[in-house]
Amino acid sequence: MSIVVQAFERDEETGERRPVRALPAPPHDELVGIEATRHALWGSELMRSLGCSILPRIATGAVRVEGEGLDLLEAELSIVAREVVRLATDSELRVDYVVRRVGNLREAIRLAREAGEGGGILIE
């Protein structure tokens, strides 16, 4: 299985979440990683030791981020980008693999913000 991210918006009348209509801009897609990266990368001790709190939750299941949480997630992705060589080495992944997944998450955040006040992302 794969871990994917999807941006969502809120229906103005019902308040229900629905996927945004816009697709990620190339070269981005919805892939956050293969199932093994839940623990090896996102939920790793190194990720936690870097001060990340949202990304490690991917290890235990679906993660929904909205509102101010998007800012926190963006800050965590900046940490990952800064420490990408250490994280890739620790998780036995290629650096470009991790860089691409970070880009996909950032793109999802962009789409969520474009959706307006009720926008967010779901990682599952």
PDB file of N, CA and C in Angstrom:
ATOM      1  N   MET A   1       0.837  -1.189   0.000  1.00  0.00           N
ATOM      2  CA  MET A   1       0.000   0.000   0.000  1.00  0.00           C
ATOM      3  C   MET A   1       0.879   1.249   0.000  1.00  0.00           C
ATOM      4  N   SER A   2       0.277   2.345  -0.352  1.00  0.00           N
ATOM      5  CA  SER A   2       0.973   3.621  -0.390  1.00  0.00           C
ATOM      6  C   SER A   2       0.330   4.596   0.585  1.00  0.00           C
ATOM      7  N   ILE A   3       1.117   5.539   1.016  1.00  0.00           N
ATOM      8  CA  ILE A   3       0.628   6.641   1.836  1.00  0.00           C
ATOM      9  C   ILE A   3       0.406   7.807   0.880  1.00  0.00           C
ATOM     10  N   VAL A   4      -0.775   8.385   0.912  1.00  0.00           N
ATOM     11  CA  VAL A   4      -1.101   9.482   0.002  1.00  0.00           C
ATOM     12  C   VAL A   4      -1.598  10.694   0.785  1.00  0.00           C
ATOM     13  N   VAL A   5      -1.503  11.848   0.143  1.00  0.00           N
ATOM     14  CA  VAL A   5      -2.004  13.087   0.723  1.00  0.00           C
ATOM     15  C   VAL A   5      -3.031  13.678  -0.226  1.00  0.00           C
ATOM     16  N   GLN A   6      -4.081  14.220   0.348  1.00  0.00           N
ATOM     17  CA  GLN A   6      -5.116  14.858  -0.457  1.00  0.00           C
ATOM     18  C   GLN A   6      -5.525  16.166   0.218  1.00  0.00           C
ATOM     19  N   ALA A   7      -5.590  17.228  -0.572  1.00  0.00           N
ATOM     20  CA  ALA A   7      -6.076  18.507  -0.068  1.00  0.00           C
ATOM     21  C   ALA A   7      -7.596  18.485  -0.072  1.00  0.00           C
ATOM     22  N   PHE A   8      -8.190  19.125   0.933  1.00  0.00           N
ATOM     23  CA  PHE A   8      -9.641  19.202   0.976  1.00  0.00           C
ATOM     24  C   PHE A   8     -10.094  20.623   1.252  1.00  0.00           C
ATOM     25  N   GLU A   9     -11.365  20.848   0.983  1.00  0.00           N
ATOM     26  CA  GLU A   9     -12.021  22.126   1.268  1.00  0.00           C
ATOM     27  C   GLU A   9     -13.311  21.822   2.000  1.00  0.00           C
ATOM     28  N   ARG A  10     -13.903  22.819   2.583  1.00  0.00           N
ATOM     29  CA  ARG A  10     -15.176  22.650   3.287  1.00  0.00           C
ATOM     30  C   ARG A  10     -16.311  23.188   2.429  1.00  0.00           C
ATOM     31  N   ASP A  11     -17.389  22.420   2.366  1.00  0.00           N
ATOM     32  CA  ASP A  11     -18.594  22.883   1.689  1.00  0.00           C
ATOM     33  C   ASP A  11     -19.165  24.027   2.512  1.00  0.00           C
ATOM     34  N   GLU A  12     -19.404  25.155   1.880  1.00  0.00           N
ATOM     35  CA  GLU A  12     -19.874  26.341   2.592  1.00  0.00           C
ATOM     36  C   GLU A  12     -21.240  26.140   3.242  1.00  0.00           C
ATOM     37  N   GLU A  13     -22.081  25.319   2.647  1.00  0.00           N
ATOM     38  CA  GLU A  13     -23.425  25.110   3.188  1.00  0.00           C
ATOM     39  C   GLU A  13     -23.464  24.042   4.264  1.00  0.00           C
ATOM     40  N   THR A  14     -22.791  22.923   4.032  1.00  0.00           N
ATOM     41  CA  THR A  14     -22.890  21.794   4.970  1.00  0.00           C
ATOM     42  C   THR A  14     -21.709  21.696   5.933  1.00  0.00           C
ATOM     43  N   GLY A  15     -20.579  22.315   5.568  1.00  0.00           N
ATOM     44  CA  GLY A  15     -19.382  22.208   6.394  1.00  0.00           C
ATOM     45  C   GLY A  15     -18.633  20.895   6.204  1.00  0.00           C
ATOM     46  N   GLU A  16     -19.144  20.039   5.332  1.00  0.00           N
ATOM     47  CA  GLU A  16     -18.490  18.750   5.092  1.00  0.00           C
ATOM     48  C   GLU A  16     -17.217  18.948   4.276  1.00  0.00           C
ATOM     49  N   ARG A  17     -16.230  18.075   4.553  1.00  0.00           N
ATOM     50  CA  ARG A  17     -14.993  18.090   3.778  1.00  0.00           C
ATOM     51  C   ARG A  17     -15.216  17.408   2.437  1.00  0.00           C
ATOM     52  N   ARG A  18     -14.561  17.957   1.405  1.00  0.00           N
ATOM     53  CA  ARG A  18     -14.568  17.319   0.093  1.00  0.00           C
ATOM     54  C   ARG A  18     -13.212  17.601  -0.558  1.00  0.00           C
ATOM     55  N   PRO A  19     -12.742  16.676  -1.393  1.00  0.00           N
ATOM     56  CA  PRO A  19     -11.452  16.891  -2.059  1.00  0.00           C
ATOM     57  C   PRO A  19     -11.481  18.151  -2.916  1.00  0.00           C
ATOM     58  N   VAL A  20     -10.376  18.860  -2.960  1.00  0.00           N
ATOM     59  CA  VAL A  20     -10.298  20.018  -3.857  1.00  0.00           C
ATOM     60  C   VAL A  20     -10.299  19.501  -5.286  1.00  0.00           C
ATOM     61  N   ARG A  21     -10.769  20.313  -6.183  1.00  0.00           N
ATOM     62  CA  ARG A  21     -10.850  19.896  -7.590  1.00  0.00           C
ATOM     63  C   ARG A  21      -9.497  19.987  -8.296  1.00  0.00           C
ATOM     64  N   ALA A  22      -8.657  20.902  -7.839  1.00  0.00           N
ATOM     65  CA  ALA A  22      -7.353  21.101  -8.485  1.00  0.00           C
ATOM     66  C   ALA A  22      -6.423  19.921  -8.212  1.00  0.00           C
ATOM     67  N   LEU A  23      -5.652  19.567  -9.213  1.00  0.00           N
ATOM     68  CA  LEU A  23      -4.662  18.502  -9.071  1.00  0.00           C
ATOM     69  C   LEU A  23      -3.307  19.106  -8.716  1.00  0.00           C
ATOM     70  N   PRO A  24      -2.439  18.319  -8.081  1.00  0.00           N
ATOM     71  CA  PRO A  24      -1.093  18.828  -7.797  1.00  0.00           C
ATOM     72  C   PRO A  24      -0.398  19.237  -9.100  1.00  0.00           C
ATOM     73  N   ALA A  25       0.315  20.358  -9.037  1.00  0.00           N
ATOM     74  CA  ALA A  25       1.038  20.837 -10.215  1.00  0.00           C
ATOM     75  C   ALA A  25       2.273  19.968 -10.452  1.00  0.00           C
ATOM     76  N   PRO A  26       2.541  19.614 -11.706  1.00  0.00           N
ATOM     77  CA  PRO A  26       3.737  18.821 -12.009  1.00  0.00           C
ATOM     78  C   PRO A  26       4.995  19.532 -11.502  1.00  0.00           C
ATOM     79  N   PRO A  27       5.939  18.810 -10.981  1.00  0.00           N
ATOM     80  CA  PRO A  27       6.109  17.362 -11.009  1.00  0.00           C
ATOM     81  C   PRO A  27       5.504  16.656  -9.791  1.00  0.00           C
ATOM     82  N   HIS A  28       4.644  17.315  -9.056  1.00  0.00           N
ATOM     83  CA  HIS A  28       4.111  16.760  -7.816  1.00  0.00           C
ATOM     84  C   HIS A  28       2.964  15.779  -8.061  1.00  0.00           C
ATOM     85  N   ASP A  29       2.751  14.929  -7.054  1.00  0.00           N
ATOM     86  CA  ASP A  29       1.633  13.999  -7.067  1.00  0.00           C
ATOM     87  C   ASP A  29       1.165  13.813  -5.622  1.00  0.00           C
ATOM     88  N   GLU A  30       0.362  12.810  -5.380  1.00  0.00           N
ATOM     89  CA  GLU A  30      -0.219  12.626  -4.039  1.00  0.00           C
ATOM     90  C   GLU A  30       0.554  11.641  -3.169  1.00  0.00           C
ATOM     91  N   LEU A  31       1.667  11.099  -3.664  1.00  0.00           N
ATOM     92  CA  LEU A  31       2.398  10.070  -2.936  1.00  0.00           C
ATOM     93  C   LEU A  31       3.261  10.652  -1.815  1.00  0.00           C
ATOM     94  N   VAL A  32       3.060  10.130  -0.599  1.00  0.00           N
ATOM     95  CA  VAL A  32       3.857  10.519   0.563  1.00  0.00           C
ATOM     96  C   VAL A  32       4.879   9.428   0.873  1.00  0.00           C
ATOM     97  N   GLY A  33       4.651   8.235   0.367  1.00  0.00           N
ATOM     98  CA  GLY A  33       5.609   7.154   0.552  1.00  0.00           C
ATOM     99  C   GLY A  33       4.941   5.798   0.466  1.00  0.00           C
ATOM    100  N   ILE A  34       5.782   4.780   0.476  1.00  0.00           N
ATOM    101  CA  ILE A  34       5.274   3.416   0.560  1.00  0.00           C
ATOM    102  C   ILE A  34       4.979   3.113   2.028  1.00  0.00           C
ATOM    103  N   GLU A  35       4.246   2.080   2.279  1.00  0.00           N
ATOM    104  CA  GLU A  35       3.812   1.759   3.641  1.00  0.00           C
ATOM    105  C   GLU A  35       4.983   1.666   4.620  1.00  0.00           C
ATOM    106  N   ALA A  36       6.102   1.123   4.176  1.00  0.00           N
ATOM    107  CA  ALA A  36       7.266   0.961   5.059  1.00  0.00           C
ATOM    108  C   ALA A  36       7.798   2.288   5.581  1.00  0.00           C
ATOM    109  N   THR A  37       7.538   3.392   4.865  1.00  0.00           N
ATOM    110  CA  THR A  37       8.055   4.686   5.321  1.00  0.00           C
ATOM    111  C   THR A  37       7.256   5.262   6.488  1.00  0.00           C
ATOM    112  N   ARG A  38       6.094   4.683   6.785  1.00  0.00           N
ATOM    113  CA  ARG A  38       5.323   5.152   7.953  1.00  0.00           C
ATOM    114  C   ARG A  38       6.204   5.161   9.203  1.00  0.00           C
ATOM    115  N   HIS A  39       6.949   4.069   9.384  1.00  0.00           N
ATOM    116  CA  HIS A  39       7.789   3.943  10.582  1.00  0.00           C
ATOM    117  C   HIS A  39       9.242   4.302  10.298  1.00  0.00           C
ATOM    118  N   ALA A  40       9.755   3.862   9.142  1.00  0.00           N
ATOM    119  CA  ALA A  40      11.170   4.058   8.846  1.00  0.00           C
ATOM    120  C   ALA A  40      11.544   5.532   8.682  1.00  0.00           C
ATOM    121  N   LEU A  41      10.644   6.337   8.155  1.00  0.00           N
ATOM    122  CA  LEU A  41      10.921   7.755   7.928  1.00  0.00           C
ATOM    123  C   LEU A  41      10.051   8.642   8.807  1.00  0.00           C
ATOM    124  N   TRP A  42       8.771   8.661   8.543  1.00  0.00           N
ATOM    125  CA  TRP A  42       7.875   9.623   9.200  1.00  0.00           C
ATOM    126  C   TRP A  42       7.759   9.399  10.700  1.00  0.00           C
ATOM    127  N   GLY A  43       7.756   8.159  11.138  1.00  0.00           N
ATOM    128  CA  GLY A  43       7.621   7.881  12.567  1.00  0.00           C
ATOM    129  C   GLY A  43       8.923   7.554  13.270  1.00  0.00           C
ATOM    130  N   SER A  44      10.040   7.824  12.612  1.00  0.00           N
ATOM    131  CA  SER A  44      11.341   7.453  13.173  1.00  0.00           C
ATOM    132  C   SER A  44      11.689   8.261  14.421  1.00  0.00           C
ATOM    133  N   GLU A  45      12.566   7.682  15.205  1.00  0.00           N
ATOM    134  CA  GLU A  45      13.071   8.388  16.393  1.00  0.00           C
ATOM    135  C   GLU A  45      13.793   9.668  15.992  1.00  0.00           C
ATOM    136  N   LEU A  46      14.529   9.609  14.878  1.00  0.00           N
ATOM    137  CA  LEU A  46      15.222  10.804  14.409  1.00  0.00           C
ATOM    138  C   LEU A  46      14.228  11.908  14.090  1.00  0.00           C
ATOM    139  N   MET A  47      13.136  11.574  13.403  1.00  0.00           N
ATOM    140  CA  MET A  47      12.114  12.576  13.079  1.00  0.00           C
ATOM    141  C   MET A  47      11.580  13.211  14.359  1.00  0.00           C
ATOM    142  N   ARG A  48      11.331  12.403  15.357  1.00  0.00           N
ATOM    143  CA  ARG A  48      10.832  12.910  16.636  1.00  0.00           C
ATOM    144  C   ARG A  48      11.885  13.773  17.333  1.00  0.00           C
ATOM    145  N   SER A  49      13.137  13.331  17.276  1.00  0.00           N
ATOM    146  CA  SER A  49      14.209  14.064  17.958  1.00  0.00           C
ATOM    147  C   SER A  49      14.455  15.433  17.331  1.00  0.00           C
ATOM    148  N   LEU A  50      14.041  15.609  16.083  1.00  0.00           N
ATOM    149  CA  LEU A  50      14.179  16.900  15.408  1.00  0.00           C
ATOM    150  C   LEU A  50      13.072  17.875  15.819  1.00  0.00           C
ATOM    151  N   GLY A  51      12.146  17.400  16.645  1.00  0.00           N
ATOM    152  CA  GLY A  51      11.087  18.271  17.147  1.00  0.00           C
ATOM    153  C   GLY A  51       9.789  18.196  16.365  1.00  0.00           C
ATOM    154  N   CYS A  52       9.688  17.277  15.451  1.00  0.00           N
ATOM    155  CA  CYS A  52       8.459  17.143  14.667  1.00  0.00           C
ATOM    156  C   CYS A  52       7.379  16.439  15.491  1.00  0.00           C
ATOM    157  N   SER A  53       6.155  16.919  15.378  1.00  0.00           N
ATOM    158  CA  SER A  53       5.045  16.305  16.120  1.00  0.00           C
ATOM    159  C   SER A  53       3.904  15.842  15.202  1.00  0.00           C
ATOM    160  N   ILE A  54       3.739  16.476  14.058  1.00  0.00           N
ATOM    161  CA  ILE A  54       2.678  16.073  13.129  1.00  0.00           C
ATOM    162  C   ILE A  54       3.144  14.907  12.266  1.00  0.00           C
ATOM    163  N   LEU A  55       4.301  15.036  11.638  1.00  0.00           N
ATOM    164  CA  LEU A  55       4.780  13.990  10.732  1.00  0.00           C
ATOM    165  C   LEU A  55       4.891  12.620  11.401  1.00  0.00           C
ATOM    166  N   PRO A  56       5.362  12.513  12.639  1.00  0.00           N
ATOM    167  CA  PRO A  56       5.431  11.188  13.275  1.00  0.00           C
ATOM    168  C   PRO A  56       4.074  10.510  13.456  1.00  0.00           C
ATOM    169  N   ARG A  57       2.997  11.275  13.456  1.00  0.00           N
ATOM    170  CA  ARG A  57       1.658  10.677  13.589  1.00  0.00           C
ATOM    171  C   ARG A  57       1.280   9.831  12.380  1.00  0.00           C
ATOM    172  N   ILE A  58       1.972  10.023  11.250  1.00  0.00           N
ATOM    173  CA  ILE A  58       1.719   9.205  10.063  1.00  0.00           C
ATOM    174  C   ILE A  58       1.961   7.731  10.391  1.00  0.00           C
ATOM    175  N   ALA A  59       2.857   7.462  11.328  1.00  0.00           N
ATOM    176  CA  ALA A  59       3.190   6.079  11.694  1.00  0.00           C
ATOM    177  C   ALA A  59       1.997   5.328  12.268  1.00  0.00           C
ATOM    178  N   THR A  60       1.046   6.040  12.836  1.00  0.00           N
ATOM    179  CA  THR A  60      -0.072   5.366  13.512  1.00  0.00           C
ATOM    180  C   THR A  60      -1.383   5.412  12.736  1.00  0.00           C
ATOM    181  N   GLY A  61      -1.395   6.064  11.570  1.00  0.00           N
ATOM    182  CA  GLY A  61      -2.625   6.083  10.779  1.00  0.00           C
ATOM    183  C   GLY A  61      -2.839   7.393  10.070  1.00  0.00           C
ATOM    184  N   ALA A  62      -4.102   7.680   9.770  1.00  0.00           N
ATOM    185  CA  ALA A  62      -4.466   8.881   9.023  1.00  0.00           C
ATOM    186  C   ALA A  62      -4.225  10.131   9.864  1.00  0.00           C
ATOM    187  N   VAL A  63      -3.788  11.185   9.187  1.00  0.00           N
ATOM    188  CA  VAL A  63      -3.507  12.465   9.848  1.00  0.00           C
ATOM    189  C   VAL A  63      -4.218  13.562   9.069  1.00  0.00           C
ATOM    190  N   ARG A  64      -5.069  14.319   9.772  1.00  0.00           N
ATOM    191  CA  ARG A  64      -5.744  15.464   9.155  1.00  0.00           C
ATOM    192  C   ARG A  64      -5.125  16.731   9.727  1.00  0.00           C
ATOM    193  N   VAL A  65      -4.782  17.670   8.848  1.00  0.00           N
ATOM    194  CA  VAL A  65      -4.160  18.928   9.264  1.00  0.00           C
ATOM    195  C   VAL A  65      -4.925  20.063   8.596  1.00  0.00           C
ATOM    196  N   GLU A  66      -5.322  21.033   9.395  1.00  0.00           N
ATOM    197  CA  GLU A  66      -6.026  22.198   8.860  1.00  0.00           C
ATOM    198  C   GLU A  66      -5.747  23.399   9.729  1.00  0.00           C
ATOM    199  N   GLY A  67      -6.195  24.562   9.287  1.00  0.00           N
ATOM    200  CA  GLY A  67      -6.014  25.791  10.053  1.00  0.00           C
ATOM    201  C   GLY A  67      -4.551  26.071  10.339  1.00  0.00           C
ATOM    202  N   GLU A  68      -4.263  26.448  11.591  1.00  0.00           N
ATOM    203  CA  GLU A  68      -2.897  26.777  11.990  1.00  0.00           C
ATOM    204  C   GLU A  68      -1.973  25.573  11.932  1.00  0.00           C
ATOM    205  N   GLY A  69      -2.541  24.381  11.929  1.00  0.00           N
ATOM    206  CA  GLY A  69      -1.738  23.172  11.812  1.00  0.00           C
ATOM    207  C   GLY A  69      -0.953  23.121  10.511  1.00  0.00           C
ATOM    208  N   LEU A  70      -1.482  23.768   9.471  1.00  0.00           N
ATOM    209  CA  LEU A  70      -0.765  23.810   8.194  1.00  0.00           C
ATOM    210  C   LEU A  70       0.554  24.559   8.336  1.00  0.00           C
ATOM    211  N   ASP A  71       0.558  25.626   9.140  1.00  0.00           N
ATOM    212  CA  ASP A  71       1.799  26.367   9.382  1.00  0.00           C
ATOM    213  C   ASP A  71       2.807  25.504  10.127  1.00  0.00           C
ATOM    214  N   LEU A  72       2.332  24.780  11.123  1.00  0.00           N
ATOM    215  CA  LEU A  72       3.211  23.894  11.883  1.00  0.00           C
ATOM    216  C   LEU A  72       3.773  22.799  10.988  1.00  0.00           C
ATOM    217  N   LEU A  73       2.937  22.219  10.142  1.00  0.00           N
ATOM    218  CA  LEU A  73       3.400  21.177   9.229  1.00  0.00           C
ATOM    219  C   LEU A  73       4.441  21.738   8.264  1.00  0.00           C
ATOM    220  N   GLU A  74       4.214  22.937   7.775  1.00  0.00           N
ATOM    221  CA  GLU A  74       5.192  23.554   6.877  1.00  0.00           C
ATOM    222  C   GLU A  74       6.531  23.748   7.580  1.00  0.00           C
ATOM    223  N   ALA A  75       6.481  24.133   8.844  1.00  0.00           N
ATOM    224  CA  ALA A  75       7.720  24.291   9.621  1.00  0.00           C
ATOM    225  C   ALA A  75       8.426  22.942   9.772  1.00  0.00           C
ATOM    226  N   GLU A  76       7.661  21.883  10.009  1.00  0.00           N
ATOM    227  CA  GLU A  76       8.258  20.556  10.126  1.00  0.00           C
ATOM    228  C   GLU A  76       8.878  20.124   8.791  1.00  0.00           C
ATOM    229  N   LEU A  77       8.236  20.446   7.689  1.00  0.00           N
ATOM    230  CA  LEU A  77       8.789  20.097   6.382  1.00  0.00           C
ATOM    231  C   LEU A  77      10.077  20.862   6.105  1.00  0.00           C
ATOM    232  N   SER A  78      10.200  22.059   6.641  1.00  0.00           N
ATOM    233  CA  SER A  78      11.459  22.810   6.518  1.00  0.00           C
ATOM    234  C   SER A  78      12.571  22.112   7.298  1.00  0.00           C
ATOM    235  N   ILE A  79      12.228  21.571   8.451  1.00  0.00           N
ATOM    236  CA  ILE A  79      13.206  20.801   9.232  1.00  0.00           C
ATOM    237  C   ILE A  79      13.650  19.573   8.445  1.00  0.00           C
ATOM    238  N   VAL A  80      12.682  18.864   7.871  1.00  0.00           N
ATOM    239  CA  VAL A  80      12.999  17.674   7.077  1.00  0.00           C
ATOM    240  C   VAL A  80      13.900  18.051   5.903  1.00  0.00           C
ATOM    241  N   ALA A  81      13.591  19.140   5.227  1.00  0.00           N
ATOM    242  CA  ALA A  81      14.408  19.576   4.093  1.00  0.00           C
ATOM    243  C   ALA A  81      15.833  19.890   4.540  1.00  0.00           C
ATOM    244  N   ARG A  82      15.964  20.511   5.688  1.00  0.00           N
ATOM    245  CA  ARG A  82      17.285  20.857   6.219  1.00  0.00           C
ATOM    246  C   ARG A  82      18.073  19.609   6.625  1.00  0.00           C
ATOM    247  N   GLU A  83      17.383  18.609   7.129  1.00  0.00           N
ATOM    248  CA  GLU A  83      18.017  17.392   7.648  1.00  0.00           C
ATOM    249  C   GLU A  83      17.825  16.189   6.724  1.00  0.00           C
ATOM    250  N   VAL A  84      17.555  16.432   5.449  1.00  0.00           N
ATOM    251  CA  VAL A  84      17.167  15.365   4.530  1.00  0.00           C
ATOM    252  C   VAL A  84      18.231  14.278   4.392  1.00  0.00           C
ATOM    253  N   VAL A  85      19.499  14.640   4.397  1.00  0.00           N
ATOM    254  CA  VAL A  85      20.545  13.627   4.246  1.00  0.00           C
ATOM    255  C   VAL A  85      20.546  12.693   5.453  1.00  0.00           C
ATOM    256  N   ARG A  86      20.471  13.253   6.655  1.00  0.00           N
ATOM    257  CA  ARG A  86      20.420  12.422   7.868  1.00  0.00           C
ATOM    258  C   ARG A  86      19.189  11.525   7.878  1.00  0.00           C
ATOM    259  N   LEU A  87      18.029  12.097   7.536  1.00  0.00           N
ATOM    260  CA  LEU A  87      16.791  11.319   7.546  1.00  0.00           C
ATOM    261  C   LEU A  87      16.810  10.214   6.499  1.00  0.00           C
ATOM    262  N   ALA A  88      17.296  10.528   5.315  1.00  0.00           N
ATOM    263  CA  ALA A  88      17.365   9.517   4.257  1.00  0.00           C
ATOM    264  C   ALA A  88      18.321   8.394   4.650  1.00  0.00           C
ATOM    265  N   THR A  89      19.466   8.749   5.183  1.00  0.00           N
ATOM    266  CA  THR A  89      20.441   7.741   5.609  1.00  0.00           C
ATOM    267  C   THR A  89      19.872   6.874   6.715  1.00  0.00           C
ATOM    268  N   ASP A  90      19.256   7.507   7.698  1.00  0.00           N
ATOM    269  CA  ASP A  90      18.683   6.788   8.838  1.00  0.00           C
ATOM    270  C   ASP A  90      17.586   5.821   8.411  1.00  0.00           C
ATOM    271  N   SER A  91      16.806   6.204   7.409  1.00  0.00           N
ATOM    272  CA  SER A  91      15.683   5.373   6.970  1.00  0.00           C
ATOM    273  C   SER A  91      16.028   4.500   5.755  1.00  0.00           C
ATOM    274  N   GLU A  92      17.291   4.552   5.323  1.00  0.00           N
ATOM    275  CA  GLU A  92      17.769   3.771   4.182  1.00  0.00           C
ATOM    276  C   GLU A  92      16.989   4.074   2.904  1.00  0.00           C
ATOM    277  N   LEU A  93      16.736   5.365   2.696  1.00  0.00           N
ATOM    278  CA  LEU A  93      16.062   5.838   1.490  1.00  0.00           C
ATOM    279  C   LEU A  93      16.999   6.766   0.729  1.00  0.00           C
ATOM    280  N   ARG A  94      16.731   6.952  -0.548  1.00  0.00           N
ATOM    281  CA  ARG A  94      17.501   7.905  -1.337  1.00  0.00           C
ATOM    282  C   ARG A  94      17.063   9.328  -0.960  1.00  0.00           C
ATOM    283  N   VAL A  95      18.000  10.242  -0.982  1.00  0.00           N
ATOM    284  CA  VAL A  95      17.700  11.640  -0.673  1.00  0.00           C
ATOM    285  C   VAL A  95      16.631  12.182  -1.611  1.00  0.00           C
ATOM    286  N   ASP A  96      16.741  11.896  -2.908  1.00  0.00           N
ATOM    287  CA  ASP A  96      15.772  12.429  -3.862  1.00  0.00           C
ATOM    288  C   ASP A  96      14.369  11.883  -3.602  1.00  0.00           C
ATOM    289  N   TYR A  97      14.276  10.670  -3.058  1.00  0.00           N
ATOM    290  CA  TYR A  97      12.974  10.093  -2.714  1.00  0.00           C
ATOM    291  C   TYR A  97      12.309  10.934  -1.615  1.00  0.00           C
ATOM    292  N   VAL A  98      13.069  11.259  -0.582  1.00  0.00           N
ATOM    293  CA  VAL A  98      12.531  12.054   0.528  1.00  0.00           C
ATOM    294  C   VAL A  98      12.206  13.470   0.060  1.00  0.00           C
ATOM    295  N   VAL A  99      13.087  14.055  -0.727  1.00  0.00           N
ATOM    296  CA  VAL A  99      12.859  15.409  -1.252  1.00  0.00           C
ATOM    297  C   VAL A  99      11.556  15.471  -2.040  1.00  0.00           C
ATOM    298  N   ARG A 100      11.313  14.459  -2.854  1.00  0.00           N
ATOM    299  CA  ARG A 100      10.082  14.438  -3.663  1.00  0.00           C
ATOM    300  C   ARG A 100       8.836  14.355  -2.785  1.00  0.00           C
ATOM    301  N   ARG A 101       8.886  13.533  -1.729  1.00  0.00           N
ATOM    302  CA  ARG A 101       7.730  13.395  -0.831  1.00  0.00           C
ATOM    303  C   ARG A 101       7.469  14.695  -0.073  1.00  0.00           C
ATOM    304  N   VAL A 102       8.526  15.371   0.328  1.00  0.00           N
ATOM    305  CA  VAL A 102       8.371  16.676   0.988  1.00  0.00           C
ATOM    306  C   VAL A 102       7.714  17.663   0.026  1.00  0.00           C
ATOM    307  N   GLY A 103       8.138  17.646  -1.223  1.00  0.00           N
ATOM    308  CA  GLY A 103       7.537  18.526  -2.229  1.00  0.00           C
ATOM    309  C   GLY A 103       6.064  18.236  -2.429  1.00  0.00           C
ATOM    310  N   ASN A 104       5.698  16.959  -2.408  1.00  0.00           N
ATOM    311  CA  ASN A 104       4.285  16.591  -2.566  1.00  0.00           C
ATOM    312  C   ASN A 104       3.457  17.103  -1.390  1.00  0.00           C
ATOM    313  N   LEU A 105       3.993  16.999  -0.190  1.00  0.00           N
ATOM    314  CA  LEU A 105       3.269  17.510   0.984  1.00  0.00           C
ATOM    315  C   LEU A 105       3.134  19.027   0.918  1.00  0.00           C
ATOM    316  N   ARG A 106       4.187  19.711   0.514  1.00  0.00           N
ATOM    317  CA  ARG A 106       4.114  21.174   0.380  1.00  0.00           C
ATOM    318  C   ARG A 106       3.088  21.587  -0.676  1.00  0.00           C
ATOM    319  N   GLU A 107       3.029  20.834  -1.756  1.00  0.00           N
ATOM    320  CA  GLU A 107       2.052  21.132  -2.811  1.00  0.00           C
ATOM    321  C   GLU A 107       0.628  20.942  -2.283  1.00  0.00           C
ATOM    322  N   ALA A 108       0.407  19.913  -1.500  1.00  0.00           N
ATOM    323  CA  ALA A 108      -0.922  19.684  -0.913  1.00  0.00           C
ATOM    324  C   ALA A 108      -1.296  20.834   0.018  1.00  0.00           C
ATOM    325  N   ILE A 109      -0.338  21.323   0.782  1.00  0.00           N
ATOM    326  CA  ILE A 109      -0.596  22.477   1.652  1.00  0.00           C
ATOM    327  C   ILE A 109      -0.983  23.688   0.803  1.00  0.00           C
ATOM    328  N   ARG A 110      -0.281  23.904  -0.289  1.00  0.00           N
ATOM    329  CA  ARG A 110      -0.606  25.031  -1.178  1.00  0.00           C
ATOM    330  C   ARG A 110      -2.038  24.926  -1.684  1.00  0.00           C
ATOM    331  N   LEU A 111      -2.414  23.719  -2.126  1.00  0.00           N
ATOM    332  CA  LEU A 111      -3.779  23.519  -2.631  1.00  0.00           C
ATOM    333  C   LEU A 111      -4.814  23.747  -1.530  1.00  0.00           C
ATOM    334  N   ALA A 112      -4.510  23.299  -0.329  1.00  0.00           N
ATOM    335  CA  ALA A 112      -5.436  23.492   0.799  1.00  0.00           C
ATOM    336  C   ALA A 112      -5.623  24.972   1.095  1.00  0.00           C
ATOM    337  N   ARG A 113      -4.558  25.716   1.054  1.00  0.00           N
ATOM    338  CA  ARG A 113      -4.651  27.158   1.321  1.00  0.00           C
ATOM    339  C   ARG A 113      -5.421  27.871   0.228  1.00  0.00           C
ATOM    340  N   GLU A 114      -5.243  27.439  -1.004  1.00  0.00           N
ATOM    341  CA  GLU A 114      -5.994  28.042  -2.106  1.00  0.00           C
ATOM    342  C   GLU A 114      -7.491  27.773  -1.971  1.00  0.00           C
ATOM    343  N   ALA A 115      -7.842  26.691  -1.276  1.00  0.00           N
ATOM    344  CA  ALA A 115      -9.254  26.336  -1.095  1.00  0.00           C
ATOM    345  C   ALA A 115      -9.957  27.278  -0.128  1.00  0.00           C
ATOM    346  N   GLY A 116      -9.203  28.059   0.611  1.00  0.00           N
ATOM    347  CA  GLY A 116      -9.812  29.008   1.527  1.00  0.00           C
ATOM    348  C   GLY A 116      -9.733  28.592   2.983  1.00  0.00           C
ATOM    349  N   GLU A 117     -10.490  29.272   3.793  1.00  0.00           N
ATOM    350  CA  GLU A 117     -10.427  29.133   5.248  1.00  0.00           C
ATOM    351  C   GLU A 117     -10.630  27.707   5.741  1.00  0.00           C
ATOM    352  N   GLY A 118     -11.469  26.952   5.096  1.00  0.00           N
ATOM    353  CA  GLY A 118     -11.755  25.588   5.549  1.00  0.00           C
ATOM    354  C   GLY A 118     -10.862  24.532   4.938  1.00  0.00           C
ATOM    355  N   GLY A 119      -9.803  24.955   4.242  1.00  0.00           N
ATOM    356  CA  GLY A 119      -8.938  23.997   3.572  1.00  0.00           C
ATOM    357  C   GLY A 119      -8.012  23.271   4.538  1.00  0.00           C
ATOM    358  N   GLY A 120      -7.641  22.067   4.133  1.00  0.00           N
ATOM    359  CA  GLY A 120      -6.705  21.275   4.922  1.00  0.00           C
ATOM    360  C   GLY A 120      -6.206  20.112   4.096  1.00  0.00           C
ATOM    361  N   ILE A 121      -5.460  19.232   4.749  1.00  0.00           N
ATOM    362  CA  ILE A 121      -4.969  18.044   4.053  1.00  0.00           C
ATOM    363  C   ILE A 121      -5.251  16.803   4.886  1.00  0.00           C
ATOM    364  N   LEU A 122      -5.350  15.695   4.200  1.00  0.00           N
ATOM    365  CA  LEU A 122      -5.527  14.390   4.838  1.00  0.00           C
ATOM    366  C   LEU A 122      -4.434  13.476   4.297  1.00  0.00           C
ATOM    367  N   ILE A 123      -3.640  12.931   5.218  1.00  0.00           N
ATOM    368  CA  ILE A 123      -2.588  11.987   4.875  1.00  0.00           C
ATOM    369  C   ILE A 123      -3.057  10.638   5.361  1.00  0.00           C
ATOM    370  N   GLU A 124      -3.136   9.668   4.448  1.00  0.00           N
ATOM    371  CA  GLU A 124      -3.576   8.317   4.866  1.00  0.00           C
ATOM    372  C   GLU A 124      -2.956   7.245   4.008  1.00  0.00           C
TER     373      GLU A 124
END
